[in-house]
C-alpha atoms as a PDB file:
ATOM      1  CA  GLN A   1      78.910  -4.514  29.296  1.00  0.00           C
ATOM      2  CA  VAL A   2      79.054  -6.984  26.439  1.00  0.00           C
ATOM      3  CA  GLN A   3      76.204  -7.318  23.970  1.00  0.00           C
ATOM      4  CA  VAL A   4      75.908  -9.846  21.184  1.00  0.00           C
ATOM      5  CA  VAL A   5      73.576  -9.024  18.334  1.00  0.00           C
ATOM      6  CA  GLU A   6      72.518 -11.293  15.483  1.00  0.00           C
ATOM      7  CA  SER A   7      70.924 -10.279  12.211  1.00  0.00           C
ATOM      8  CA  GLY A   8      70.042 -11.747   8.848  1.00  0.00           C
ATOM      9  CA  GLY A   9      67.265 -14.168   9.675  1.00  0.00           C
ATOM     10  CA  GLY A  10      64.025 -14.296   7.759  1.00  0.00           C
ATOM     11  CA  LEU A  11      61.677 -16.310   5.612  1.00  0.00           C
ATOM     12  CA  VAL A  12      63.038 -18.122   2.578  1.00  0.00           C
ATOM     13  CA  GLN A  13      61.832 -20.853   0.259  1.00  0.00           C
ATOM     14  CA  ALA A  14      63.422 -24.275   0.288  1.00  0.00           C
ATOM     15  CA  GLY A  15      66.596 -24.229  -1.771  1.00  0.00           C
ATOM     16  CA  GLY A  16      67.250 -20.608  -0.984  1.00  0.00           C
ATOM     17  CA  SER A  17      70.068 -18.902   0.879  1.00  0.00           C
ATOM     18  CA  LEU A  18      70.507 -16.651   3.894  1.00  0.00           C
ATOM     19  CA  ARG A  19      73.490 -15.093   5.598  1.00  0.00           C
ATOM     20  CA  LEU A  20      73.479 -14.595   9.340  1.00  0.00           C
ATOM     21  CA  SER A  21      75.711 -12.071  11.051  1.00  0.00           C
ATOM     22  CA  CYS A  22      76.671 -11.692  14.685  1.00  0.00           C
ATOM     23  CA  ALA A  23      78.809  -9.074  16.327  1.00  0.00           C
ATOM     24  CA  ALA A  24      79.832  -8.177  19.851  1.00  0.00           C
ATOM     25  CA  THR A  25      79.977  -4.734  21.344  1.00  0.00           C
ATOM     26  CA  GLY A  26      81.606  -3.715  24.573  1.00  0.00           C
ATOM     27  CA  THR A  27      84.961  -4.429  26.097  1.00  0.00           C
ATOM     28  CA  ILE A  28      86.217  -7.709  24.726  1.00  0.00           C
ATOM     29  CA  PHE A  29      89.899  -8.047  24.008  1.00  0.00           C
ATOM     30  CA  SER A  30      89.676 -11.272  22.076  1.00  0.00           C
ATOM     31  CA  ILE A  31      87.226 -14.056  21.360  1.00  0.00           C
ATOM     32  CA  ASN A  32      88.454 -17.619  21.160  1.00  0.00           C
ATOM     33  CA  VAL A  33      85.501 -19.662  20.005  1.00  0.00           C
ATOM     34  CA  MET A  34      82.648 -18.337  17.892  1.00  0.00           C
ATOM     35  CA  GLY A  35      79.694 -20.483  17.038  1.00  0.00           C
ATOM     36  CA  TRP A  36      76.147 -20.791  15.806  1.00  0.00           C
ATOM     37  CA  TYR A  37      73.494 -22.897  17.488  1.00  0.00           C
ATOM     38  CA  ARG A  38      69.846 -23.398  16.665  1.00  0.00           C
ATOM     39  CA  GLN A  39      66.702 -24.454  18.456  1.00  0.00           C
ATOM     40  CA  ALA A  40      63.600 -25.691  16.703  1.00  0.00           C
ATOM     41  CA  PRO A  41      60.202 -25.779  18.467  1.00  0.00           C
ATOM     42  CA  GLY A  42      60.035 -28.654  20.910  1.00  0.00           C
ATOM     43  CA  LYS A  43      63.691 -29.533  20.433  1.00  0.00           C
ATOM     44  CA  GLU A  44      66.891 -28.900  22.336  1.00  0.00           C
ATOM     45  CA  ARG A  45      69.391 -26.299  21.245  1.00  0.00           C
ATOM     46  CA  GLU A  46      72.014 -27.868  18.995  1.00  0.00           C
ATOM     47  CA  LEU A  47      75.360 -26.886  17.561  1.00  0.00           C
ATOM     48  CA  VAL A  48      75.294 -25.824  13.914  1.00  0.00           C
ATOM     49  CA  ALA A  49      78.904 -24.728  13.450  1.00  0.00           C
ATOM     50  CA  ARG A  50      81.756 -23.266  15.431  1.00  0.00           C
ATOM     51  CA  ILE A  51      85.168 -21.907  14.690  1.00  0.00           C
ATOM     52  CA  GLY A  52      88.081 -21.312  17.036  1.00  0.00           C
ATOM     53  CA  SER A  53      91.030 -18.995  16.865  1.00  0.00           C
ATOM     54  CA  TYR A  54      93.097 -21.872  15.531  1.00  0.00           C
ATOM     55  CA  GLY A  55      92.144 -24.892  13.515  1.00  0.00           C
ATOM     56  CA  GLY A  56      89.337 -25.521  11.125  1.00  0.00           C
ATOM     57  CA  PRO A  57      85.611 -25.096  11.607  1.00  0.00           C
ATOM     58  CA  ILE A  58      83.332 -27.801  12.914  1.00  0.00           C
ATOM     59  CA  TYR A  59      79.899 -28.438  11.436  1.00  0.00           C
ATOM     60  CA  ALA A  60      76.906 -30.512  12.377  1.00  0.00           C
ATOM     61  CA  ASP A  61      76.477 -33.398   9.954  1.00  0.00           C
ATOM     62  CA  SER A  62      73.100 -32.052   8.911  1.00  0.00           C
ATOM     63  CA  VAL A  63      74.596 -28.837   7.494  1.00  0.00           C
ATOM     64  CA  LYS A  64      77.921 -29.999   6.086  1.00  0.00           C
ATOM     65  CA  GLY A  65      78.373 -28.894   2.495  1.00  0.00           C
ATOM     66  CA  ARG A  66      75.538 -26.361   2.754  1.00  0.00           C
ATOM     67  CA  PHE A  67      76.597 -23.942   5.517  1.00  0.00           C
ATOM     68  CA  THR A  68      79.852 -22.033   5.918  1.00  0.00           C
ATOM     69  CA  ILE A  69      81.003 -20.296   9.084  1.00  0.00           C
ATOM     70  CA  SER A  70      83.523 -17.474   8.979  1.00  0.00           C
ATOM     71  CA  ARG A  71      84.866 -14.889  11.406  1.00  0.00           C
ATOM     72  CA  ASP A  72      86.292 -11.388  11.435  1.00  0.00           C
ATOM     73  CA  ASN A  73      88.395 -10.911  14.546  1.00  0.00           C
ATOM     74  CA  ALA A  74      88.851  -7.182  14.023  1.00  0.00           C
ATOM     75  CA  LYS A  75      85.071  -6.708  13.983  1.00  0.00           C
ATOM     76  CA  LYS A  76      84.493  -9.296  16.713  1.00  0.00           C
ATOM     77  CA  ALA A  77      82.016 -10.867  14.326  1.00  0.00           C
ATOM     78  CA  VAL A  78      81.007 -14.269  13.033  1.00  0.00           C
ATOM     79  CA  TYR A  79      78.932 -15.133   9.994  1.00  0.00           C
ATOM     80  CA  LEU A  80      76.949 -18.122   8.790  1.00  0.00           C
ATOM     81  CA  GLN A  81      76.330 -18.452   5.079  1.00  0.00           C
ATOM     82  CA  MET A  82      73.507 -20.903   4.472  1.00  0.00           C
ATOM     83  CA  HIS A  83      72.722 -22.421   1.086  1.00  0.00           C
ATOM     84  CA  SER A  84      70.291 -25.080  -0.108  1.00  0.00           C
ATOM     85  CA  LEU A  85      68.066 -24.429   2.872  1.00  0.00           C
ATOM     86  CA  LYS A  86      65.562 -27.077   3.877  1.00  0.00           C
ATOM     87  CA  PRO A  87      62.351 -26.845   5.924  1.00  0.00           C
ATOM     88  CA  GLU A  88      64.115 -28.767   8.693  1.00  0.00           C
ATOM     89  CA  ASP A  89      66.562 -25.873   9.026  1.00  0.00           C
ATOM     90  CA  THR A  90      63.729 -23.793  10.457  1.00  0.00           C
ATOM     91  CA  ALA A  91      64.727 -22.673  13.947  1.00  0.00           C
ATOM     92  CA  VAL A  92      65.867 -19.779  16.055  1.00  0.00           C
ATOM     93  CA  TYR A  93      69.574 -19.364  15.420  1.00  0.00           C
ATOM     94  CA  TYR A  94      71.778 -18.191  18.273  1.00  0.00           C
ATOM     95  CA  CYS A  95      75.291 -16.845  18.184  1.00  0.00           C
ATOM     96  CA  LEU A  96      77.757 -17.763  20.927  1.00  0.00           C
ATOM     97  CA  LEU A  97      80.958 -15.786  21.335  1.00  0.00           C
ATOM     98  CA  ASP A  98      83.002 -17.583  23.991  1.00  0.00           C
ATOM     99  CA  SER A  99      80.448 -17.413  26.837  1.00  0.00           C
ATOM    100  CA  TRP A 100      78.194 -14.647  25.527  1.00  0.00           C
ATOM    101  CA  TRP A 101      74.908 -15.547  23.823  1.00  0.00           C
ATOM    102  CA  GLY A 102      72.955 -13.459  21.379  1.00  0.00           C
ATOM    103  CA  GLN A 103      69.211 -13.025  21.543  1.00  0.00           C
ATOM    104  CA  GLY A 104      68.542 -15.240  18.530  1.00  0.00           C
ATOM    105  CA  THR A 105      67.252 -14.670  15.032  1.00  0.00           C
ATOM    106  CA  GLN A 106      64.419 -16.609  13.418  1.00  0.00           C
ATOM    107  CA  VAL A 107      65.060 -18.572  10.231  1.00  0.00           C
ATOM    108  CA  THR A 108      61.992 -20.032   8.539  1.00  0.00           C
ATOM    109  CA  VAL A 109      62.262 -22.196   5.439  1.00  0.00           C
ATOM    110  CA  SER A 110      59.029 -22.855   3.568  1.00  0.00           C
ATOM    111  CA  SER A 111      58.497 -25.948   1.449  1.00  0.00           C
END
């Protein structure tokens, strides 16, 4: 059985930084696409960033230049380094590894 677990969320002041981590456990031989999504209250879930096995990462326009996605294939893990956080970044952040979703981690940015 595959489990996807995120960590690293929390409360931070505007302008601060957080690093989210996500890792899969269970029998997975390889993961093609790894990504981060977020969902703010009353809004639909949206793509933040994703990275495939080949090619460069893709970012939402709203986070370009502030967030960086990276992956560790050996650990079956993906990370999201977030800088210059804004109150509008407040959301539950979800990890997606191919078709497996994590449970989400709350990120709250205070003004």
